[in-house]
Amino acid sequence: MYEIAVIVQDGIRRMYERNEDRFYYLTVYNEDYPMPEMPKGCEEGILRGVYRYRAARNGKAVVQLFGSGPILNEAVRAQEILEKYGVNADVWSVTSYNELRRDALSAERWNRLHPTEAEKKPYILTAIEGAEGPIIAATDYMKVVPDQLSPWLPERLVTLGTDGFGRSDDRQHLRRHFEINAESIATAALSRLAREGKFDAKKAQKAFEELGVSTEAKDPATA
């Protein structure tokens, strides 16, 4: 995977060429899927935590979809679903919420200690500068992982994650149960846009039925 290759190369350079003490770990998933070509100019974003993986194809995006690991594929499918409802979305690959939070905290501390200097901007805000609309962040980790960015994304972030008890099922049903599949991502986006007056609320409600997302299902965090 090109993301891993970029991270490993950077790690080697930092540890040996720059003589920096670093600790790296790799998270390996057990899902096989075709790997796309590496987007041009995404190296910095891979290392710093986020990059735009696929821009909206039919015009300027009004919603941003964050995906990580295999769930990035669900975000891409959600982008395609939203297109059918006339909604343009950008898809972002988040390689490390932890790294984004560390960077934001570092910038926040520097700004606190240097009140006479121009403020530093966290990388997450630099990366998404100009990207409009709510952010739907889907992960197969608990919601608290993307929620680390909440202080810097006020009122924009909607998090979908796997809070709840472990279950024995296949990926398709598990992702539907925890509401992190493409259909759930798409309906979350439509619902949020409707709340903001940017999409017809009745059409958003109907989309849940059309996409097979139950509005009365038990909360997976308590089911």
C-alpha atoms as a PDB file:
ATOM      1  CA  MET A   1       0.000   0.000   0.000  1.00  0.00           C
ATOM      2  CA  TYR A   2       1.433   3.341  -1.043  1.00  0.00           C
ATOM      3  CA  GLU A   3       0.528   5.028   2.273  1.00  0.00           C
ATOM      4  CA  ILE A   4       2.595   2.480   4.188  1.00  0.00           C
ATOM      5  CA  ALA A   5       5.496   2.840   1.729  1.00  0.00           C
ATOM      6  CA  VAL A   6       5.595   6.622   2.211  1.00  0.00           C
ATOM      7  CA  ILE A   7       5.468   6.288   6.010  1.00  0.00           C
ATOM      8  CA  VAL A   8       8.204   3.635   6.092  1.00  0.00           C
ATOM      9  CA  GLN A   9      10.466   5.693   3.835  1.00  0.00           C
ATOM     10  CA  ASP A  10       9.985   8.754   6.014  1.00  0.00           C
ATOM     11  CA  GLY A  11      10.624   6.701   9.138  1.00  0.00           C
ATOM     12  CA  ILE A  12      13.918   5.384   7.790  1.00  0.00           C
ATOM     13  CA  ARG A  13      14.990   8.866   6.804  1.00  0.00           C
ATOM     14  CA  ARG A  14      14.170  10.293  10.227  1.00  0.00           C
ATOM     15  CA  MET A  15      15.747   7.491  12.236  1.00  0.00           C
ATOM     16  CA  TYR A  16      18.948   7.101  10.237  1.00  0.00           C
ATOM     17  CA  GLU A  17      19.588  10.221   8.183  1.00  0.00           C
ATOM     18  CA  ARG A  18      18.398  12.649  10.875  1.00  0.00           C
ATOM     19  CA  ASN A  19      19.359  10.444  13.836  1.00  0.00           C
ATOM     20  CA  GLU A  20      15.951  10.893  15.456  1.00  0.00           C
ATOM     21  CA  ASP A  21      14.535   8.510  18.024  1.00  0.00           C
ATOM     22  CA  ARG A  22      11.220   7.336  16.634  1.00  0.00           C
ATOM     23  CA  PHE A  23       8.785   4.504  17.266  1.00  0.00           C
ATOM     24  CA  TYR A  24       6.615   3.232  14.405  1.00  0.00           C
ATOM     25  CA  TYR A  25       3.874   0.656  14.275  1.00  0.00           C
ATOM     26  CA  LEU A  26       1.795  -0.705  11.414  1.00  0.00           C
ATOM     27  CA  THR A  27      -1.868  -1.678  11.644  1.00  0.00           C
ATOM     28  CA  VAL A  28      -2.646  -4.529   9.261  1.00  0.00           C
ATOM     29  CA  TYR A  29      -6.190  -5.310   8.160  1.00  0.00           C
ATOM     30  CA  ASN A  30      -7.322  -8.715   6.969  1.00  0.00           C
ATOM     31  CA  GLU A  31      -9.356  -7.460   4.025  1.00  0.00           C
ATOM     32  CA  ASP A  32      -8.129  -7.762   0.465  1.00  0.00           C
ATOM     33  CA  TYR A  33      -9.118  -5.129  -2.079  1.00  0.00           C
ATOM     34  CA  PRO A  34      -7.495  -3.625  -5.193  1.00  0.00           C
ATOM     35  CA  MET A  35      -5.119  -0.782  -4.449  1.00  0.00           C
ATOM     36  CA  PRO A  36      -5.543   2.361  -6.580  1.00  0.00           C
ATOM     37  CA  GLU A  37      -2.692   4.460  -7.875  1.00  0.00           C
ATOM     38  CA  MET A  38      -1.161   6.935  -5.466  1.00  0.00           C
ATOM     39  CA  PRO A  39      -2.677  10.406  -6.002  1.00  0.00           C
ATOM     40  CA  LYS A  40      -0.164  13.041  -7.034  1.00  0.00           C
ATOM     41  CA  GLY A  41       1.128  15.360  -4.337  1.00  0.00           C
ATOM     42  CA  CYS A  42      -0.309  13.471  -1.368  1.00  0.00           C
ATOM     43  CA  GLU A  43       2.963  12.535   0.355  1.00  0.00           C
ATOM     44  CA  GLU A  44       2.836  15.343   2.909  1.00  0.00           C
ATOM     45  CA  GLY A  45      -0.774  14.579   3.729  1.00  0.00           C
ATOM     46  CA  ILE A  46      -0.017  10.888   4.242  1.00  0.00           C
ATOM     47  CA  LEU A  47       2.696  11.719   6.751  1.00  0.00           C
ATOM     48  CA  ARG A  48       0.802  14.482   8.516  1.00  0.00           C
ATOM     49  CA  GLY A  49      -2.481  12.643   8.813  1.00  0.00           C
ATOM     50  CA  VAL A  50      -4.934  13.509   6.027  1.00  0.00           C
ATOM     51  CA  TYR A  51      -5.157  14.159   2.298  1.00  0.00           C
ATOM     52  CA  ARG A  52      -7.897  14.585  -0.299  1.00  0.00           C
ATOM     53  CA  TYR A  53      -8.180  11.182  -1.916  1.00  0.00           C
ATOM     54  CA  ARG A  54     -10.899  11.870  -4.469  1.00  0.00           C
ATOM     55  CA  ALA A  55     -12.415  15.265  -5.240  1.00  0.00           C
ATOM     56  CA  ALA A  56     -16.065  15.668  -6.183  1.00  0.00           C
ATOM     57  CA  ARG A  57     -16.501  14.804  -9.831  1.00  0.00           C
ATOM     58  CA  ASN A  58     -19.530  16.910 -10.738  1.00  0.00           C
ATOM     59  CA  GLY A  59     -18.768  20.289  -9.235  1.00  0.00           C
ATOM     60  CA  LYS A  60     -17.765  21.868  -5.949  1.00  0.00           C
ATOM     61  CA  ALA A  61     -18.311  19.653  -2.926  1.00  0.00           C
ATOM     62  CA  VAL A  62     -20.860  20.610  -0.269  1.00  0.00           C
ATOM     63  CA  VAL A  63     -19.893  17.812   2.126  1.00  0.00           C
ATOM     64  CA  GLN A  64     -16.595  16.182   3.112  1.00  0.00           C
ATOM     65  CA  LEU A  65     -16.258  12.423   3.728  1.00  0.00           C
ATOM     66  CA  PHE A  66     -13.389  11.192   5.938  1.00  0.00           C
ATOM     67  CA  GLY A  67     -12.458   7.504   5.723  1.00  0.00           C
ATOM     68  CA  SER A  68      -9.686   5.390   7.226  1.00  0.00           C
ATOM     69  CA  GLY A  69      -8.305   1.989   6.256  1.00  0.00           C
ATOM     70  CA  PRO A  70     -10.882  -0.261   4.552  1.00  0.00           C
ATOM     71  CA  ILE A  71     -13.659   2.174   5.465  1.00  0.00           C
ATOM     72  CA  LEU A  72     -12.174   4.555   2.904  1.00  0.00           C
ATOM     73  CA  ASN A  73     -13.783   2.266   0.314  1.00  0.00           C
ATOM     74  CA  GLU A  74     -17.148   2.795   2.007  1.00  0.00           C
ATOM     75  CA  ALA A  75     -16.605   6.567   1.842  1.00  0.00           C
ATOM     76  CA  VAL A  76     -15.908   6.274  -1.896  1.00  0.00           C
ATOM     77  CA  ARG A  77     -19.127   4.284  -2.374  1.00  0.00           C
ATOM     78  CA  ALA A  78     -20.968   6.904  -0.310  1.00  0.00           C
ATOM     79  CA  GLN A  79     -19.627   9.576  -2.642  1.00  0.00           C
ATOM     80  CA  GLU A  80     -21.140   7.696  -5.584  1.00  0.00           C
ATOM     81  CA  ILE A  81     -24.458   7.284  -3.771  1.00  0.00           C
ATOM     82  CA  LEU A  82     -24.606  10.983  -2.956  1.00  0.00           C
ATOM     83  CA  GLU A  83     -24.036  11.833  -6.613  1.00  0.00           C
ATOM     84  CA  LYS A  84     -27.330  10.093  -7.397  1.00  0.00           C
ATOM     85  CA  TYR A  85     -29.036  12.521  -4.994  1.00  0.00           C
ATOM     86  CA  GLY A  86     -27.358  15.502  -6.638  1.00  0.00           C
ATOM     87  CA  VAL A  87     -24.912  16.026  -3.780  1.00  0.00           C
ATOM     88  CA  ASN A  88     -21.216  16.531  -4.480  1.00  0.00           C
ATOM     89  CA  ALA A  89     -18.741  15.207  -1.911  1.00  0.00           C
ATOM     90  CA  ASP A  90     -14.988  15.114  -1.499  1.00  0.00           C
ATOM     91  CA  VAL A  91     -13.403  11.960  -0.069  1.00  0.00           C
ATOM     92  CA  TRP A  92     -10.429  12.254   2.297  1.00  0.00           C
ATOM     93  CA  SER A  93      -8.096   9.539   3.537  1.00  0.00           C
ATOM     94  CA  VAL A  94      -7.244  10.019   7.202  1.00  0.00           C
ATOM     95  CA  THR A  95      -4.004   8.180   7.887  1.00  0.00           C
ATOM     96  CA  SER A  96      -3.710   9.267  11.523  1.00  0.00           C
ATOM     97  CA  TYR A  97      -6.184  11.080  13.741  1.00  0.00           C
ATOM     98  CA  ASN A  98      -3.569  10.878  16.492  1.00  0.00           C
ATOM     99  CA  GLU A  99      -0.982  12.706  14.400  1.00  0.00           C
ATOM    100  CA  LEU A 100      -3.497  15.395  13.483  1.00  0.00           C
ATOM    101  CA  ARG A 101      -4.358  15.901  17.137  1.00  0.00           C
ATOM    102  CA  ARG A 102      -0.702  16.050  18.203  1.00  0.00           C
ATOM    103  CA  ASP A 103      -0.018  18.662  15.547  1.00  0.00           C
ATOM    104  CA  ALA A 104      -3.067  20.721  16.565  1.00  0.00           C
ATOM    105  CA  LEU A 105      -2.114  20.593  20.245  1.00  0.00           C
ATOM    106  CA  SER A 106       1.437  21.652  19.387  1.00  0.00           C
ATOM    107  CA  ALA A 107       0.168  24.628  17.379  1.00  0.00           C
ATOM    108  CA  GLU A 108      -2.252  25.513  20.170  1.00  0.00           C
ATOM    109  CA  ARG A 109       0.551  25.451  22.771  1.00  0.00           C
ATOM    110  CA  TRP A 110       2.856  27.566  20.601  1.00  0.00           C
ATOM    111  CA  ASN A 111       0.104  30.135  20.093  1.00  0.00           C
ATOM    112  CA  ARG A 112      -0.517  30.272  23.840  1.00  0.00           C
ATOM    113  CA  LEU A 113       3.160  30.872  24.591  1.00  0.00           C
ATOM    114  CA  HIS A 114       3.665  33.471  21.846  1.00  0.00           C
ATOM    115  CA  PRO A 115       0.770  35.942  22.111  1.00  0.00           C
ATOM    116  CA  THR A 116       2.593  38.666  20.153  1.00  0.00           C
ATOM    117  CA  GLU A 117       3.264  36.444  17.121  1.00  0.00           C
ATOM    118  CA  ALA A 118       0.990  35.421  14.274  1.00  0.00           C
ATOM    119  CA  GLU A 119      -0.926  32.283  15.149  1.00  0.00           C
ATOM    120  CA  LYS A 120       0.123  28.941  13.745  1.00  0.00           C
ATOM    121  CA  LYS A 121      -2.633  26.966  12.046  1.00  0.00           C
ATOM    122  CA  PRO A 122      -3.077  23.245  12.776  1.00  0.00           C
ATOM    123  CA  TYR A 123      -2.436  21.069   9.745  1.00  0.00           C
ATOM    124  CA  ILE A 124      -5.998  19.736   9.735  1.00  0.00           C
ATOM    125  CA  LEU A 125      -7.276  23.279   9.109  1.00  0.00           C
ATOM    126  CA  THR A 126      -4.633  23.942   6.462  1.00  0.00           C
ATOM    127  CA  ALA A 127      -5.451  20.681   4.669  1.00  0.00           C
ATOM    128  CA  ILE A 128      -9.199  21.301   4.434  1.00  0.00           C
ATOM    129  CA  GLU A 129      -8.986  25.046   3.843  1.00  0.00           C
ATOM    130  CA  GLY A 130     -11.607  25.958   1.268  1.00  0.00           C
ATOM    131  CA  ALA A 131     -13.428  22.634   1.655  1.00  0.00           C
ATOM    132  CA  GLU A 132     -17.020  23.506   2.466  1.00  0.00           C
ATOM    133  CA  GLY A 133     -19.781  21.756   4.331  1.00  0.00           C
ATOM    134  CA  PRO A 134     -20.108  19.244   7.155  1.00  0.00           C
ATOM    135  CA  ILE A 135     -17.540  16.510   7.692  1.00  0.00           C
ATOM    136  CA  ILE A 136     -18.741  12.907   8.012  1.00  0.00           C
ATOM    137  CA  ALA A 137     -15.931  10.843   9.533  1.00  0.00           C
ATOM    138  CA  ALA A 138     -16.400   7.054   9.379  1.00  0.00           C
ATOM    139  CA  THR A 139     -14.079   4.562  11.040  1.00  0.00           C
ATOM    140  CA  ASP A 140     -14.111   0.966  12.191  1.00  0.00           C
ATOM    141  CA  TYR A 141     -12.608   2.180  15.464  1.00  0.00           C
ATOM    142  CA  MET A 142     -14.674   3.793  18.217  1.00  0.00           C
ATOM    143  CA  LYS A 143     -16.068   7.273  17.594  1.00  0.00           C
ATOM    144  CA  VAL A 144     -13.656   8.775  20.104  1.00  0.00           C
ATOM    145  CA  VAL A 145     -10.849   8.390  17.542  1.00  0.00           C
ATOM    146  CA  PRO A 146     -12.192  10.909  14.972  1.00  0.00           C
ATOM    147  CA  ASP A 147     -13.683  12.933  17.828  1.00  0.00           C
ATOM    148  CA  GLN A 148     -10.128  13.947  18.737  1.00  0.00           C
ATOM    149  CA  LEU A 149     -10.501  16.649  16.064  1.00  0.00           C
ATOM    150  CA  SER A 150     -13.702  18.133  17.503  1.00  0.00           C
ATOM    151  CA  PRO A 151     -11.995  21.140  19.177  1.00  0.00           C
ATOM    152  CA  TRP A 152     -10.698  22.327  15.796  1.00  0.00           C
ATOM    153  CA  LEU A 153     -13.761  21.453  13.713  1.00  0.00           C
ATOM    154  CA  PRO A 154     -16.555  23.139  15.684  1.00  0.00           C
ATOM    155  CA  GLU A 155     -20.048  22.163  14.575  1.00  0.00           C
ATOM    156  CA  ARG A 156     -18.727  20.488  11.407  1.00  0.00           C
ATOM    157  CA  LEU A 157     -17.852  16.972  12.520  1.00  0.00           C
ATOM    158  CA  VAL A 158     -20.272  14.027  12.407  1.00  0.00           C
ATOM    159  CA  THR A 159     -18.616  10.827  13.603  1.00  0.00           C
ATOM    160  CA  LEU A 160     -19.599   7.260  12.736  1.00  0.00           C
ATOM    161  CA  GLY A 161     -17.790   4.461  14.549  1.00  0.00           C
ATOM    162  CA  THR A 162     -18.059   1.012  16.093  1.00  0.00           C
ATOM    163  CA  ASP A 163     -19.065   1.854  19.656  1.00  0.00           C
ATOM    164  CA  GLY A 164     -20.796  -1.143  21.186  1.00  0.00           C
ATOM    165  CA  PHE A 165     -20.310  -4.804  21.976  1.00  0.00           C
ATOM    166  CA  GLY A 166     -18.338  -7.200  19.830  1.00  0.00           C
ATOM    167  CA  ARG A 167     -20.323  -9.324  17.423  1.00  0.00           C
ATOM    168  CA  SER A 168     -19.678 -12.348  15.254  1.00  0.00           C
ATOM    169  CA  ASP A 169     -20.791 -11.605  11.707  1.00  0.00           C
ATOM    170  CA  ASP A 170     -19.440 -10.822   8.255  1.00  0.00           C
ATOM    171  CA  ARG A 171     -18.118  -7.390   7.305  1.00  0.00           C
ATOM    172  CA  GLN A 172     -21.207  -6.375   5.366  1.00  0.00           C
ATOM    173  CA  HIS A 173     -23.583  -6.949   8.269  1.00  0.00           C
ATOM    174  CA  LEU A 174     -21.205  -5.594  10.895  1.00  0.00           C
ATOM    175  CA  ARG A 175     -20.732  -2.341   9.001  1.00  0.00           C
ATOM    176  CA  ARG A 176     -24.462  -2.007   8.543  1.00  0.00           C
ATOM    177  CA  HIS A 177     -25.056  -2.779  12.240  1.00  0.00           C
ATOM    178  CA  PHE A 178     -22.535  -0.168  13.410  1.00  0.00           C
ATOM    179  CA  GLU A 179     -23.759   2.326  10.785  1.00  0.00           C
ATOM    180  CA  ILE A 180     -20.404   2.789   9.066  1.00  0.00           C
ATOM    181  CA  ASN A 181     -21.247   1.334   5.651  1.00  0.00           C
ATOM    182  CA  ALA A 182     -21.580   3.486   2.551  1.00  0.00           C
ATOM    183  CA  GLU A 183     -25.348   3.797   2.878  1.00  0.00           C
ATOM    184  CA  SER A 184     -25.062   5.005   6.467  1.00  0.00           C
ATOM    185  CA  ILE A 185     -22.357   7.498   5.529  1.00  0.00           C
ATOM    186  CA  ALA A 186     -24.480   8.848   2.684  1.00  0.00           C
ATOM    187  CA  THR A 187     -27.640   9.195   4.790  1.00  0.00           C
ATOM    188  CA  ALA A 188     -25.656  10.856   7.585  1.00  0.00           C
ATOM    189  CA  ALA A 189     -24.456  13.407   5.046  1.00  0.00           C
ATOM    190  CA  LEU A 190     -27.964  14.026   3.673  1.00  0.00           C
ATOM    191  CA  SER A 191     -29.409  14.318   7.174  1.00  0.00           C
ATOM    192  CA  ARG A 192     -26.804  16.859   8.237  1.00  0.00           C
ATOM    193  CA  LEU A 193     -27.261  18.874   5.039  1.00  0.00           C
ATOM    194  CA  ALA A 194     -31.014  18.856   5.651  1.00  0.00           C
ATOM    195  CA  ARG A 195     -30.459  20.156   9.186  1.00  0.00           C
ATOM    196  CA  GLU A 196     -28.423  22.977   7.695  1.00  0.00           C
ATOM    197  CA  GLY A 197     -31.131  23.803   5.158  1.00  0.00           C
ATOM    198  CA  LYS A 198     -29.000  22.665   2.210  1.00  0.00           C
ATOM    199  CA  PHE A 199     -31.032  19.590   1.235  1.00  0.00           C
ATOM    200  CA  ASP A 200     -34.740  18.846   1.284  1.00  0.00           C
ATOM    201  CA  ALA A 201     -35.551  17.187   4.614  1.00  0.00           C
ATOM    202  CA  LYS A 202     -38.292  14.965   3.159  1.00  0.00           C
ATOM    203  CA  LYS A 203     -35.940  13.707   0.461  1.00  0.00           C
ATOM    204  CA  ALA A 204     -33.321  13.011   3.140  1.00  0.00           C
ATOM    205  CA  GLN A 205     -35.888  11.041   5.145  1.00  0.00           C
ATOM    206  CA  LYS A 206     -36.895   9.071   2.067  1.00  0.00           C
ATOM    207  CA  ALA A 207     -33.240   8.266   1.319  1.00  0.00           C
ATOM    208  CA  PHE A 208     -33.020   6.238   4.541  1.00  0.00           C
ATOM    209  CA  GLU A 209     -35.759   3.939   3.254  1.00  0.00           C
ATOM    210  CA  GLU A 210     -34.350   3.777  -0.270  1.00  0.00           C
ATOM    211  CA  LEU A 211     -30.876   2.876   1.004  1.00  0.00           C
ATOM    212  CA  GLY A 212     -32.073   0.360   3.581  1.00  0.00           C
ATOM    213  CA  VAL A 213     -30.917   2.323   6.638  1.00  0.00           C
ATOM    214  CA  SER A 214     -33.387   1.785   9.487  1.00  0.00           C
ATOM    215  CA  THR A 215     -34.329   4.955  11.356  1.00  0.00           C
ATOM    216  CA  GLU A 216     -35.691   2.904  14.263  1.00  0.00           C
ATOM    217  CA  ALA A 217     -32.821   0.453  14.722  1.00  0.00           C
ATOM    218  CA  LYS A 218     -31.368   0.119  18.204  1.00  0.00           C
ATOM    219  CA  ASP A 219     -28.344   2.251  18.971  1.00  0.00           C
ATOM    220  CA  PRO A 220     -25.410  -0.152  18.372  1.00  0.00           C
ATOM    221  CA  ALA A 221     -23.598   1.398  21.330  1.00  0.00           C
ATOM    222  CA  THR A 222     -26.263  -0.007  23.649  1.00  0.00           C
ATOM    223  CA  ALA A 223     -27.704  -2.914  21.634  1.00  0.00           C
END
